[in-house]
Amino acid sequence: MKRNPSRSGTSSLTDELAELRRLDPTALKQRWRVLYRTEAPVHIGRALLLQAVAYRLQERVLGGLKSSTRRLLEGAAAPRRASPW
């Protein structure tokens, strides 16, 4: 993914993010389907839906997390085994 977006890439991203606020819930869920290639969760609120869609758009233009950061977060989220003590 891009780490140094072009100036035009960030200006179109700014326009796209501004447009998200004007979308109704049905249109936001459609954007989710396109970006995540899955249905949006049934009980997700509009605010969280908006943030998730905005994050994915930014990730496409600006790049995602570094591999080392992703591994660190996945390790922190992994279930811990119970200690025998």
C-alpha atoms as a PDB file:
ATOM      1  CA  MET A   1       0.000   0.000   0.000  1.00  0.00           C
ATOM      2  CA  LYS A   2       1.081   3.550  -0.590  1.00  0.00           C
ATOM      3  CA  ARG A   3       3.094   5.278   2.114  1.00  0.00           C
ATOM      4  CA  ASN A   4       3.611   8.580   0.271  1.00  0.00           C
ATOM      5  CA  PRO A   5       0.338   9.450  -1.402  1.00  0.00           C
ATOM      6  CA  SER A   6       0.271  11.991  -4.159  1.00  0.00           C
ATOM      7  CA  ARG A   7      -1.314  15.343  -3.468  1.00  0.00           C
ATOM      8  CA  SER A   8      -4.270  14.479  -5.714  1.00  0.00           C
ATOM      9  CA  GLY A   9      -4.755  11.191  -3.850  1.00  0.00           C
ATOM     10  CA  THR A  10      -5.201  12.950  -0.527  1.00  0.00           C
ATOM     11  CA  SER A  11      -7.482  15.641  -1.938  1.00  0.00           C
ATOM     12  CA  SER A  12      -9.785  13.043  -3.472  1.00  0.00           C
ATOM     13  CA  LEU A  13      -9.672  11.141  -0.175  1.00  0.00           C
ATOM     14  CA  THR A  14     -10.724  14.320   1.627  1.00  0.00           C
ATOM     15  CA  ASP A  15     -13.660  14.704  -0.751  1.00  0.00           C
ATOM     16  CA  GLU A  16     -14.632  11.057  -0.344  1.00  0.00           C
ATOM     17  CA  LEU A  17     -14.516  11.282   3.457  1.00  0.00           C
ATOM     18  CA  ALA A  18     -16.662  14.416   3.412  1.00  0.00           C
ATOM     19  CA  GLU A  19     -19.179  12.637   1.187  1.00  0.00           C
ATOM     20  CA  LEU A  20     -19.517   9.758   3.674  1.00  0.00           C
ATOM     21  CA  ARG A  21     -21.271  12.001   6.203  1.00  0.00           C
ATOM     22  CA  ARG A  22     -24.028  12.674   3.682  1.00  0.00           C
ATOM     23  CA  LEU A  23     -24.764   8.993   3.018  1.00  0.00           C
ATOM     24  CA  ASP A  24     -27.808   7.304   4.509  1.00  0.00           C
ATOM     25  CA  PRO A  25     -27.351   4.012   6.415  1.00  0.00           C
ATOM     26  CA  THR A  26     -28.222   1.895   3.361  1.00  0.00           C
ATOM     27  CA  ALA A  27     -25.582   3.638   1.239  1.00  0.00           C
ATOM     28  CA  LEU A  28     -23.009   3.340   4.040  1.00  0.00           C
ATOM     29  CA  LYS A  29     -23.681  -0.398   4.269  1.00  0.00           C
ATOM     30  CA  GLN A  30     -23.185  -0.633   0.516  1.00  0.00           C
ATOM     31  CA  ARG A  31     -19.791   1.087   0.862  1.00  0.00           C
ATOM     32  CA  TRP A  32     -18.940  -1.423   3.620  1.00  0.00           C
ATOM     33  CA  ARG A  33     -19.801  -4.327   1.272  1.00  0.00           C
ATOM     34  CA  VAL A  34     -17.546  -2.922  -1.436  1.00  0.00           C
ATOM     35  CA  LEU A  35     -14.619  -2.145   0.867  1.00  0.00           C
ATOM     36  CA  TYR A  36     -14.735  -5.170   3.193  1.00  0.00           C
ATOM     37  CA  ARG A  37     -16.233  -7.702   0.724  1.00  0.00           C
ATOM     38  CA  THR A  38     -18.726  -8.851   3.340  1.00  0.00           C
ATOM     39  CA  GLU A  39     -22.039  -7.727   4.763  1.00  0.00           C
ATOM     40  CA  ALA A  40     -21.940  -5.066   7.466  1.00  0.00           C
ATOM     41  CA  PRO A  41     -22.737  -6.348  10.970  1.00  0.00           C
ATOM     42  CA  VAL A  42     -26.476  -6.216  11.660  1.00  0.00           C
ATOM     43  CA  HIS A  43     -26.292  -4.327  14.954  1.00  0.00           C
ATOM     44  CA  ILE A  44     -23.607  -1.794  14.076  1.00  0.00           C
ATOM     45  CA  GLY A  45     -24.462   1.829  14.735  1.00  0.00           C
ATOM     46  CA  ARG A  46     -24.140   4.541  12.124  1.00  0.00           C
ATOM     47  CA  ALA A  47     -21.206   6.214  13.880  1.00  0.00           C
ATOM     48  CA  LEU A  48     -19.118   3.031  14.025  1.00  0.00           C
ATOM     49  CA  LEU A  49     -20.084   2.100  10.473  1.00  0.00           C
ATOM     50  CA  LEU A  50     -18.971   5.540   9.298  1.00  0.00           C
ATOM     51  CA  GLN A  51     -15.646   5.252  11.141  1.00  0.00           C
ATOM     52  CA  ALA A  52     -14.921   1.775   9.778  1.00  0.00           C
ATOM     53  CA  VAL A  53     -15.649   2.799   6.195  1.00  0.00           C
ATOM     54  CA  ALA A  54     -13.562   5.967   6.588  1.00  0.00           C
ATOM     55  CA  TYR A  55     -10.670   3.950   8.033  1.00  0.00           C
ATOM     56  CA  ARG A  56     -10.688   1.517   5.123  1.00  0.00           C
ATOM     57  CA  LEU A  57     -10.715   4.378   2.595  1.00  0.00           C
ATOM     58  CA  GLN A  58      -7.762   6.019   4.361  1.00  0.00           C
ATOM     59  CA  GLU A  59      -5.945   2.707   4.567  1.00  0.00           C
ATOM     60  CA  ARG A  60      -6.236   2.243   0.798  1.00  0.00           C
ATOM     61  CA  VAL A  61      -4.763   5.666   0.054  1.00  0.00           C
ATOM     62  CA  LEU A  62      -2.285   6.156   2.903  1.00  0.00           C
ATOM     63  CA  GLY A  63      -1.340   2.555   3.637  1.00  0.00           C
ATOM     64  CA  GLY A  64      -2.168   0.241   6.491  1.00  0.00           C
ATOM     65  CA  LEU A  65      -0.323  -0.748   9.617  1.00  0.00           C
ATOM     66  CA  LYS A  66       3.244  -1.986   9.383  1.00  0.00           C
ATOM     67  CA  SER A  67       3.581  -5.763   9.632  1.00  0.00           C
ATOM     68  CA  SER A  68       5.337  -5.491  12.994  1.00  0.00           C
ATOM     69  CA  THR A  69       2.512  -3.368  14.434  1.00  0.00           C
ATOM     70  CA  ARG A  70      -0.115  -5.765  13.095  1.00  0.00           C
ATOM     71  CA  ARG A  71       1.685  -8.745  14.711  1.00  0.00           C
ATOM     72  CA  LEU A  72       1.933  -6.893  18.022  1.00  0.00           C
ATOM     73  CA  LEU A  73      -1.803  -6.138  18.024  1.00  0.00           C
ATOM     74  CA  GLU A  74      -2.721  -9.687  17.014  1.00  0.00           C
ATOM     75  CA  GLY A  75      -0.566 -11.029  19.855  1.00  0.00           C
ATOM     76  CA  ALA A  76      -2.212  -8.692  22.352  1.00  0.00           C
ATOM     77  CA  ALA A  77      -5.667  -9.776  21.189  1.00  0.00           C
ATOM     78  CA  ALA A  78      -4.911 -13.518  21.292  1.00  0.00           C
ATOM     79  CA  PRO A  79      -6.541 -15.424  24.150  1.00  0.00           C
ATOM     80  CA  ARG A  80      -4.180 -16.232  26.983  1.00  0.00           C
ATOM     81  CA  ARG A  81      -3.847 -19.705  28.361  1.00  0.00           C
ATOM     82  CA  ALA A  82      -4.817 -20.031  32.004  1.00  0.00           C
ATOM     83  CA  SER A  83      -1.915 -20.393  34.354  1.00  0.00           C
ATOM     84  CA  PRO A  84      -1.814 -23.711  36.257  1.00  0.00           C
ATOM     85  CA  TRP A  85      -0.870 -21.762  39.410  1.00  0.00           C
END
